[in-house]
Full PDB file with SEQRES, HELIX, SHEET, SSBOND, CRYST1, ORIGX, SCALE, CONECT and MASTER records, all heavy atoms in Angstrom:
SEQRES   1 A   37  ASP SER SER PHE THR ALA GLY VAL MET GLU GLY TYR VAL          
SEQRES   2 A   37  ILE ARG ASN GLY GLU ILE ALA GLU PRO ILE LEU GLY ALA          
SEQRES   3 A   37  THR ALA SER GLY ARG ALA LEU ASP ALA LEU SER                  
HELIX    1 AA1 ALA A   32  ALA A   35  1                                   4    
SHEET    1 AA1 2 SER A   3  GLY A   7  0                                        
SHEET    2 AA1 2 THR A  27  ARG A  31 -1                                        
SHEET    1 AA2 2 TYR A  12  ARG A  15  0                                        
SHEET    2 AA2 2 GLU A  18  PRO A  22 -1                                        
CRYST1    1.000    1.000    1.000  90.00  90.00  90.00 P 1           1          
ORIGX1      1.000000  0.000000  0.000000        0.00000                         
ORIGX2      0.000000  1.000000  0.000000        0.00000                         
ORIGX3      0.000000  0.000000  1.000000        0.00000                         
SCALE1      1.000000  0.000000  0.000000        0.00000                         
SCALE2      0.000000  1.000000  0.000000        0.00000                         
SCALE3      0.000000  0.000000  1.000000        0.00000                         
ATOM      1  N   ASP A   1       0.875  -1.171   0.027  1.00  0.00           N  
ATOM      2  CA  ASP A   1       0.009   0.041   0.010  1.00  0.00           C  
ATOM      3  C   ASP A   1       0.904   1.204  -0.006  1.00  0.00           C  
ATOM      4  O   ASP A   1       0.372   2.382   0.143  1.00  0.00           O  
ATOM      5  CB  ASP A   1      -0.941  -0.008   1.248  1.00  0.00           C  
ATOM      6  CG  ASP A   1      -0.171   0.014   2.480  1.00  0.00           C  
ATOM      7  OD1 ASP A   1       1.056  -0.169   2.543  1.00  0.00           O  
ATOM      8  OD2 ASP A   1      -0.859   0.221   3.531  1.00  0.00           O  
ATOM      9  N   SER A   2       2.153   1.121  -0.218  1.00  0.00           N  
ATOM     10  CA  SER A   2       3.190   2.112  -0.227  1.00  0.00           C  
ATOM     11  C   SER A   2       3.567   2.587   1.198  1.00  0.00           C  
ATOM     12  O   SER A   2       4.313   3.562   1.297  1.00  0.00           O  
ATOM     13  CB  SER A   2       2.849   3.365  -1.095  1.00  0.00           C  
ATOM     14  OG  SER A   2       2.007   4.252  -0.392  1.00  0.00           O  
ATOM     15  N   SER A   3       3.126   1.988   2.255  1.00  0.00           N  
ATOM     16  CA  SER A   3       3.557   2.280   3.619  1.00  0.00           C  
ATOM     17  C   SER A   3       4.944   1.865   3.860  1.00  0.00           C  
ATOM     18  O   SER A   3       5.481   0.944   3.191  1.00  0.00           O  
ATOM     19  CB  SER A   3       2.670   1.580   4.641  1.00  0.00           C  
ATOM     20  OG  SER A   3       2.753   0.179   4.536  1.00  0.00           O  
ATOM     21  N   PHE A   4       5.669   2.680   4.677  1.00  0.00           N  
ATOM     22  CA  PHE A   4       7.038   2.355   4.985  1.00  0.00           C  
ATOM     23  C   PHE A   4       7.415   2.726   6.417  1.00  0.00           C  
ATOM     24  O   PHE A   4       6.810   3.708   6.927  1.00  0.00           O  
ATOM     25  CB  PHE A   4       7.982   3.048   4.012  1.00  0.00           C  
ATOM     26  CG  PHE A   4       7.965   4.538   4.123  1.00  0.00           C  
ATOM     27  CD1 PHE A   4       8.837   5.198   4.929  1.00  0.00           C  
ATOM     28  CD2 PHE A   4       7.140   5.277   3.324  1.00  0.00           C  
ATOM     29  CE1 PHE A   4       8.801   6.600   5.122  1.00  0.00           C  
ATOM     30  CE2 PHE A   4       7.068   6.643   3.436  1.00  0.00           C  
ATOM     31  CZ  PHE A   4       7.913   7.288   4.262  1.00  0.00           C  
ATOM     32  N   THR A   5       8.282   2.020   6.963  1.00  0.00           N  
ATOM     33  CA  THR A   5       8.810   2.322   8.322  1.00  0.00           C  
ATOM     34  C   THR A   5      10.305   1.987   8.224  1.00  0.00           C  
ATOM     35  O   THR A   5      10.669   0.913   7.871  1.00  0.00           O  
ATOM     36  CB  THR A   5       8.197   1.491   9.457  1.00  0.00           C  
ATOM     37  OG1 THR A   5       6.767   1.860   9.492  1.00  0.00           O  
ATOM     38  CG2 THR A   5       8.757   1.892  10.782  1.00  0.00           C  
ATOM     39  N   ALA A   6      11.188   2.948   8.537  1.00  0.00           N  
ATOM     40  CA  ALA A   6      12.601   2.738   8.434  1.00  0.00           C  
ATOM     41  C   ALA A   6      13.362   3.349   9.624  1.00  0.00           C  
ATOM     42  O   ALA A   6      12.961   4.522   9.949  1.00  0.00           O  
ATOM     43  CB  ALA A   6      13.159   3.240   7.150  1.00  0.00           C  
ATOM     44  N   GLY A   7      14.307   2.633  10.132  1.00  0.00           N  
ATOM     45  CA  GLY A   7      15.146   3.272  11.183  1.00  0.00           C  
ATOM     46  C   GLY A   7      15.980   4.315  10.549  1.00  0.00           C  
ATOM     47  O   GLY A   7      16.350   4.334   9.327  1.00  0.00           O  
ATOM     48  N   VAL A   8      16.371   5.306  11.321  1.00  0.00           N  
ATOM     49  CA  VAL A   8      17.256   6.418  10.925  1.00  0.00           C  
ATOM     50  C   VAL A   8      18.628   6.150  11.468  1.00  0.00           C  
ATOM     51  O   VAL A   8      18.855   6.365  12.689  1.00  0.00           O  
ATOM     52  CB  VAL A   8      16.718   7.804  11.290  1.00  0.00           C  
ATOM     53  CG1 VAL A   8      17.678   8.923  10.844  1.00  0.00           C  
ATOM     54  CG2 VAL A   8      15.301   8.034  10.731  1.00  0.00           C  
ATOM     55  N   MET A   9      19.560   5.769  10.625  1.00  0.00           N  
ATOM     56  CA  MET A   9      20.938   5.494  11.080  1.00  0.00           C  
ATOM     57  C   MET A   9      21.713   6.826  11.245  1.00  0.00           C  
ATOM     58  O   MET A   9      22.562   6.951  12.127  1.00  0.00           O  
ATOM     59  CB  MET A   9      21.615   4.630  10.070  1.00  0.00           C  
ATOM     60  CG  MET A   9      21.010   3.252   9.901  1.00  0.00           C  
ATOM     61  SD  MET A   9      20.980   2.263  11.349  1.00  0.00           S  
ATOM     62  CE  MET A   9      22.774   1.936  11.591  1.00  0.00           C  
ATOM     63  N   GLU A  10      21.415   7.790  10.473  1.00  0.00           N  
ATOM     64  CA  GLU A  10      22.093   9.162  10.527  1.00  0.00           C  
ATOM     65  C   GLU A  10      21.011  10.162  10.198  1.00  0.00           C  
ATOM     66  O   GLU A  10      20.471  10.130   9.160  1.00  0.00           O  
ATOM     67  CB  GLU A  10      23.242   9.241   9.622  1.00  0.00           C  
ATOM     68  CG  GLU A  10      23.995  10.583   9.778  1.00  0.00           C  
ATOM     69  CD  GLU A  10      25.175  10.758   8.862  1.00  0.00           C  
ATOM     70  OE1 GLU A  10      25.485   9.812   8.069  1.00  0.00           O  
ATOM     71  OE2 GLU A  10      25.738  11.921   8.894  1.00  0.00           O  
ATOM     72  N   GLY A  11      20.836  11.084  11.212  1.00  0.00           N  
ATOM     73  CA  GLY A  11      19.867  12.123  10.986  1.00  0.00           C  
ATOM     74  C   GLY A  11      20.155  13.345  11.891  1.00  0.00           C  
ATOM     75  O   GLY A  11      20.852  13.199  12.938  1.00  0.00           O  
ATOM     76  N   TYR A  12      19.567  14.492  11.516  1.00  0.00           N  
ATOM     77  CA  TYR A  12      19.850  15.773  12.266  1.00  0.00           C  
ATOM     78  C   TYR A  12      18.640  16.576  12.369  1.00  0.00           C  
ATOM     79  O   TYR A  12      17.732  16.559  11.494  1.00  0.00           O  
ATOM     80  CB  TYR A  12      21.021  16.520  11.667  1.00  0.00           C  
ATOM     81  CG  TYR A  12      22.304  15.765  11.409  1.00  0.00           C  
ATOM     82  CD1 TYR A  12      22.451  14.954  10.278  1.00  0.00           C  
ATOM     83  CD2 TYR A  12      23.286  15.780  12.363  1.00  0.00           C  
ATOM     84  CE1 TYR A  12      23.577  14.161  10.177  1.00  0.00           C  
ATOM     85  CE2 TYR A  12      24.458  15.071  12.250  1.00  0.00           C  
ATOM     86  CZ  TYR A  12      24.618  14.178  11.109  1.00  0.00           C  
ATOM     87  OH  TYR A  12      25.783  13.500  10.993  1.00  0.00           O  
ATOM     88  N   VAL A  13      18.546  17.428  13.358  1.00  0.00           N  
ATOM     89  CA  VAL A  13      17.571  18.487  13.428  1.00  0.00           C  
ATOM     90  C   VAL A  13      18.043  19.607  12.473  1.00  0.00           C  
ATOM     91  O   VAL A  13      19.186  19.914  12.373  1.00  0.00           O  
ATOM     92  CB  VAL A  13      17.431  19.055  14.838  1.00  0.00           C  
ATOM     93  CG1 VAL A  13      16.470  20.250  14.901  1.00  0.00           C  
ATOM     94  CG2 VAL A  13      16.899  17.889  15.721  1.00  0.00           C  
ATOM     95  N   ILE A  14      17.063  20.261  11.877  1.00  0.00           N  
ATOM     96  CA  ILE A  14      17.302  21.510  11.058  1.00  0.00           C  
ATOM     97  C   ILE A  14      16.734  22.702  11.818  1.00  0.00           C  
ATOM     98  O   ILE A  14      15.533  22.607  12.200  1.00  0.00           O  
ATOM     99  CB  ILE A  14      16.716  21.428   9.645  1.00  0.00           C  
ATOM    100  CG1 ILE A  14      17.276  20.234   8.836  1.00  0.00           C  
ATOM    101  CG2 ILE A  14      16.985  22.709   8.889  1.00  0.00           C  
ATOM    102  CD1 ILE A  14      16.527  20.037   7.500  1.00  0.00           C  
ATOM    103  N   ARG A  15      17.457  23.617  12.102  1.00  0.00           N  
ATOM    104  CA  ARG A  15      17.030  24.875  12.811  1.00  0.00           C  
ATOM    105  C   ARG A  15      17.388  26.119  11.986  1.00  0.00           C  
ATOM    106  O   ARG A  15      18.557  26.305  11.675  1.00  0.00           O  
ATOM    107  CB  ARG A  15      17.620  25.044  14.201  1.00  0.00           C  
ATOM    108  CG  ARG A  15      17.255  23.886  15.148  1.00  0.00           C  
ATOM    109  CD  ARG A  15      17.803  24.189  16.540  1.00  0.00           C  
ATOM    110  NE  ARG A  15      17.550  23.022  17.437  1.00  0.00           N  
ATOM    111  CZ  ARG A  15      16.460  22.739  18.048  1.00  0.00           C  
ATOM    112  NH1 ARG A  15      15.407  23.504  17.872  1.00  0.00           N  
ATOM    113  NH2 ARG A  15      16.287  21.650  18.742  1.00  0.00           N  
ATOM    114  N   ASN A  16      16.357  26.844  11.598  1.00  0.00           N  
ATOM    115  CA  ASN A  16      16.536  28.091  10.831  1.00  0.00           C  
ATOM    116  C   ASN A  16      17.476  27.919   9.622  1.00  0.00           C  
ATOM    117  O   ASN A  16      18.344  28.651   9.381  1.00  0.00           O  
ATOM    118  CB  ASN A  16      17.157  29.154  11.787  1.00  0.00           C  
ATOM    119  CG  ASN A  16      16.165  29.523  12.880  1.00  0.00           C  
ATOM    120  OD1 ASN A  16      14.941  29.675  12.639  1.00  0.00           O  
ATOM    121  ND2 ASN A  16      16.674  29.682  14.028  1.00  0.00           N  
ATOM    122  N   GLY A  17      17.163  26.848   8.877  1.00  0.00           N  
ATOM    123  CA  GLY A  17      17.884  26.617   7.648  1.00  0.00           C  
ATOM    124  C   GLY A  17      19.279  26.021   7.827  1.00  0.00           C  
ATOM    125  O   GLY A  17      20.000  26.034   6.787  1.00  0.00           O  
ATOM    126  N   GLU A  18      19.642  25.590   8.935  1.00  0.00           N  
ATOM    127  CA  GLU A  18      20.997  25.008   9.229  1.00  0.00           C  
ATOM    128  C   GLU A  18      20.938  23.713   9.906  1.00  0.00           C  
ATOM    129  O   GLU A  18      20.015  23.425  10.699  1.00  0.00           O  
ATOM    130  CB  GLU A  18      21.848  25.978  10.001  1.00  0.00           C  
ATOM    131  CG  GLU A  18      22.156  27.259   9.327  1.00  0.00           C  
ATOM    132  CD  GLU A  18      23.126  28.181  10.141  1.00  0.00           C  
ATOM    133  OE1 GLU A  18      23.386  27.841  11.341  1.00  0.00           O  
ATOM    134  OE2 GLU A  18      23.523  29.233   9.682  1.00  0.00           O  
ATOM    135  N   ILE A  19      21.883  22.783   9.537  1.00  0.00           N  
ATOM    136  CA  ILE A  19      21.900  21.512  10.116  1.00  0.00           C  
ATOM    137  C   ILE A  19      22.437  21.644  11.535  1.00  0.00           C  
ATOM    138  O   ILE A  19      23.471  22.216  11.756  1.00  0.00           O  
ATOM    139  CB  ILE A  19      22.836  20.546   9.362  1.00  0.00           C  
ATOM    140  CG1 ILE A  19      22.239  20.296   7.919  1.00  0.00           C  
ATOM    141  CG2 ILE A  19      23.014  19.171   9.992  1.00  0.00           C  
ATOM    142  CD1 ILE A  19      23.141  19.579   6.971  1.00  0.00           C  
ATOM    143  N   ALA A  20      21.683  21.071  12.537  1.00  0.00           N  
ATOM    144  CA  ALA A  20      22.030  21.305  13.947  1.00  0.00           C  
ATOM    145  C   ALA A  20      22.339  19.982  14.598  1.00  0.00           C  
ATOM    146  O   ALA A  20      23.047  19.120  14.025  1.00  0.00           O  
ATOM    147  CB  ALA A  20      20.799  21.934  14.651  1.00  0.00           C  
ATOM    148  N   GLU A  21      21.742  19.690  15.755  1.00  0.00           N  
ATOM    149  CA  GLU A  21      22.247  18.545  16.577  1.00  0.00           C  
ATOM    150  C   GLU A  21      21.758  17.189  15.929  1.00  0.00           C  
ATOM    151  O   GLU A  21      20.706  17.113  15.277  1.00  0.00           O  
ATOM    152  CB  GLU A  21      21.681  18.617  17.991  1.00  0.00           C  
ATOM    153  CG  GLU A  21      20.155  18.517  18.106  1.00  0.00           C  
ATOM    154  CD  GLU A  21      19.453  19.853  18.037  1.00  0.00           C  
ATOM    155  OE1 GLU A  21      20.018  20.788  17.523  1.00  0.00           O  
ATOM    156  OE2 GLU A  21      18.302  19.980  18.573  1.00  0.00           O  
ATOM    157  N   PRO A  22      22.543  16.111  16.121  1.00  0.00           N  
ATOM    158  CA  PRO A  22      22.162  14.810  15.623  1.00  0.00           C  
ATOM    159  C   PRO A  22      21.056  14.182  16.399  1.00  0.00           C  
ATOM    160  O   PRO A  22      20.757  14.598  17.584  1.00  0.00           O  
ATOM    161  CB  PRO A  22      23.446  13.949  15.746  1.00  0.00           C  
ATOM    162  CG  PRO A  22      24.163  14.601  16.888  1.00  0.00           C  
ATOM    163  CD  PRO A  22      23.894  16.033  16.783  1.00  0.00           C  
ATOM    164  N   ILE A  23      20.319  13.206  15.882  1.00  0.00           N  
ATOM    165  CA  ILE A  23      19.253  12.517  16.479  1.00  0.00           C  
ATOM    166  C   ILE A  23      19.612  10.993  16.583  1.00  0.00           C  
ATOM    167  O   ILE A  23      20.456  10.534  15.795  1.00  0.00           O  
ATOM    168  CB  ILE A  23      17.911  12.643  15.783  1.00  0.00           C  
ATOM    169  CG1 ILE A  23      17.995  12.204  14.319  1.00  0.00           C  
ATOM    170  CG2 ILE A  23      17.447  14.103  15.930  1.00  0.00           C  
ATOM    171  CD1 ILE A  23      16.607  12.253  13.642  1.00  0.00           C  
ATOM    172  N   LEU A  24      19.009  10.383  17.542  1.00  0.00           N  
ATOM    173  CA  LEU A  24      19.301   8.924  17.779  1.00  0.00           C  
ATOM    174  C   LEU A  24      18.064   8.156  18.038  1.00  0.00           C  
ATOM    175  O   LEU A  24      17.127   8.737  18.585  1.00  0.00           O  
ATOM    176  CB  LEU A  24      20.201   8.857  19.057  1.00  0.00           C  
ATOM    177  CG  LEU A  24      20.541   7.366  19.556  1.00  0.00           C  
ATOM    178  CD1 LEU A  24      21.415   6.676  18.565  1.00  0.00           C  
ATOM    179  CD2 LEU A  24      21.190   7.467  20.952  1.00  0.00           C  
ATOM    180  N   GLY A  25      18.061   6.902  17.620  1.00  0.00           N  
ATOM    181  CA  GLY A  25      16.866   6.002  17.854  1.00  0.00           C  
ATOM    182  C   GLY A  25      15.664   6.421  17.155  1.00  0.00           C  
ATOM    183  O   GLY A  25      14.518   6.113  17.637  1.00  0.00           O  
ATOM    184  N   ALA A  26      15.765   7.160  16.042  1.00  0.00           N  
ATOM    185  CA  ALA A  26      14.610   7.674  15.301  1.00  0.00           C  
ATOM    186  C   ALA A  26      14.088   6.688  14.340  1.00  0.00           C  
ATOM    187  O   ALA A  26      14.796   5.835  13.764  1.00  0.00           O  
ATOM    188  CB  ALA A  26      14.936   8.941  14.674  1.00  0.00           C  
ATOM    189  N   THR A  27      12.793   6.775  14.069  1.00  0.00           N  
ATOM    190  CA  THR A  27      12.135   6.014  12.983  1.00  0.00           C  
ATOM    191  C   THR A  27      11.299   6.872  12.101  1.00  0.00           C  
ATOM    192  O   THR A  27      10.630   7.787  12.561  1.00  0.00           O  
ATOM    193  CB  THR A  27      11.188   4.982  13.614  1.00  0.00           C  
ATOM    194  OG1 THR A  27      11.904   4.094  14.472  1.00  0.00           O  
ATOM    195  CG2 THR A  27      10.453   4.132  12.518  1.00  0.00           C  
ATOM    196  N   ALA A  28      11.485   6.704  10.808  1.00  0.00           N  
ATOM    197  CA  ALA A  28      10.714   7.556   9.849  1.00  0.00           C  
ATOM    198  C   ALA A  28       9.575   6.639   9.203  1.00  0.00           C  
ATOM    199  O   ALA A  28       9.896   5.518   8.829  1.00  0.00           O  
ATOM    200  CB  ALA A  28      11.570   8.038   8.729  1.00  0.00           C  
ATOM    201  N   SER A  29       8.396   7.140   9.137  1.00  0.00           N  
ATOM    202  CA  SER A  29       7.336   6.360   8.589  1.00  0.00           C  
ATOM    203  C   SER A  29       6.329   7.216   7.838  1.00  0.00           C  
ATOM    204  O   SER A  29       6.293   8.423   7.920  1.00  0.00           O  
ATOM    205  CB  SER A  29       6.565   5.642   9.738  1.00  0.00           C  
ATOM    206  OG  SER A  29       5.988   6.581  10.598  1.00  0.00           O  
ATOM    207  N   GLY A  30       5.489   6.602   7.055  1.00  0.00           N  
ATOM    208  CA  GLY A  30       4.532   7.255   6.233  1.00  0.00           C  
ATOM    209  C   GLY A  30       3.950   6.333   5.139  1.00  0.00           C  
ATOM    210  O   GLY A  30       4.239   5.162   5.177  1.00  0.00           O  
ATOM    211  N   ARG A  31       3.152   6.878   4.352  1.00  0.00           N  
ATOM    212  CA  ARG A  31       2.593   6.234   3.147  1.00  0.00           C  
ATOM    213  C   ARG A  31       3.010   7.005   1.973  1.00  0.00           C  
ATOM    214  O   ARG A  31       2.624   8.116   1.756  1.00  0.00           O  
ATOM    215  CB  ARG A  31       1.082   6.079   3.303  1.00  0.00           C  
ATOM    216  CG  ARG A  31       0.446   5.298   2.181  1.00  0.00           C  
ATOM    217  CD  ARG A  31      -1.007   5.046   2.425  1.00  0.00           C  
ATOM    218  NE  ARG A  31      -1.694   4.278   1.353  1.00  0.00           N  
ATOM    219  CZ  ARG A  31      -2.177   4.770   0.212  1.00  0.00           C  
ATOM    220  NH1 ARG A  31      -2.109   6.135   0.024  1.00  0.00           N  
ATOM    221  NH2 ARG A  31      -2.778   4.008  -0.617  1.00  0.00           N  
ATOM    222  N   ALA A  32       3.941   6.458   1.115  1.00  0.00           N  
ATOM    223  CA  ALA A  32       4.518   7.218   0.055  1.00  0.00           C  
ATOM    224  C   ALA A  32       3.615   7.834  -0.820  1.00  0.00           C  
ATOM    225  O   ALA A  32       3.849   8.964  -1.272  1.00  0.00           O  
ATOM    226  CB  ALA A  32       5.540   6.285  -0.646  1.00  0.00           C  
ATOM    227  N   LEU A  33       2.559   7.161  -1.263  1.00  0.00           N  
ATOM    228  CA  LEU A  33       1.583   7.716  -2.188  1.00  0.00           C  
ATOM    229  C   LEU A  33       0.890   8.987  -1.651  1.00  0.00           C  
ATOM    230  O   LEU A  33       0.523   9.895  -2.346  1.00  0.00           O  
ATOM    231  CB  LEU A  33       0.480   6.693  -2.612  1.00  0.00           C  
ATOM    232  CG  LEU A  33       1.108   5.607  -3.470  1.00  0.00           C  
ATOM    233  CD1 LEU A  33      -0.034   4.593  -3.886  1.00  0.00           C  
ATOM    234  CD2 LEU A  33       1.651   6.192  -4.790  1.00  0.00           C  
ATOM    235  N   ASP A  34       0.684   9.051  -0.268  1.00  0.00           N  
ATOM    236  CA  ASP A  34       0.097  10.202   0.311  1.00  0.00           C  
ATOM    237  C   ASP A  34       1.186  11.275   0.515  1.00  0.00           C  
ATOM    238  O   ASP A  34       0.911  12.466   0.260  1.00  0.00           O  
ATOM    239  CB  ASP A  34      -0.370   9.830   1.709  1.00  0.00           C  
ATOM    240  CG  ASP A  34      -1.650   8.912   1.631  1.00  0.00           C  
ATOM    241  OD1 ASP A  34      -2.313   8.926   0.658  1.00  0.00           O  
ATOM    242  OD2 ASP A  34      -1.847   8.165   2.651  1.00  0.00           O  
ATOM    243  N   ALA A  35       2.454  10.875   0.767  1.00  0.00           N  
ATOM    244  CA  ALA A  35       3.540  11.814   1.015  1.00  0.00           C  
ATOM    245  C   ALA A  35       3.887  12.580  -0.295  1.00  0.00           C  
ATOM    246  O   ALA A  35       4.427  13.664  -0.183  1.00  0.00           O  
ATOM    247  CB  ALA A  35       4.749  11.125   1.562  1.00  0.00           C  
ATOM    248  N   LEU A  36       3.653  11.922  -1.479  1.00  0.00           N  
ATOM    249  CA  LEU A  36       4.107  12.596  -2.739  1.00  0.00           C  
ATOM    250  C   LEU A  36       3.558  13.978  -2.842  1.00  0.00           C  
ATOM    251  O   LEU A  36       4.250  14.930  -3.327  1.00  0.00           O  
ATOM    252  CB  LEU A  36       3.642  11.695  -3.934  1.00  0.00           C  
ATOM    253  CG  LEU A  36       4.409  10.425  -4.208  1.00  0.00           C  
ATOM    254  CD1 LEU A  36       3.798   9.642  -5.302  1.00  0.00           C  
ATOM    255  CD2 LEU A  36       5.922  10.755  -4.479  1.00  0.00           C  
ATOM    256  N   SER A  37       2.234  14.226  -2.396  1.00  0.00           N  
ATOM    257  CA  SER A  37       1.659  15.553  -2.551  1.00  0.00           C  
ATOM    258  C   SER A  37       2.333  16.542  -1.684  1.00  0.00           C  
ATOM    259  O   SER A  37       2.166  17.745  -1.867  1.00  0.00           O  
ATOM    260  CB  SER A  37       0.205  15.492  -2.343  1.00  0.00           C  
ATOM    261  OG  SER A  37      -0.012  15.119  -0.926  1.00  0.00           O  
TER     262      SER A  37                                                      
MASTER        0    0    0    1    4    0    0    6  261    1    0    3          
END                                                                             
């Protein structure tokens, strides 16, 4: 159904257009067909 869940091995917060602190233990999820819009 285009759903996905993936662990984030490397990721960061963005603050005011700049890459800031790293994140840990995060998971990204969604339904790709909905996310396209």
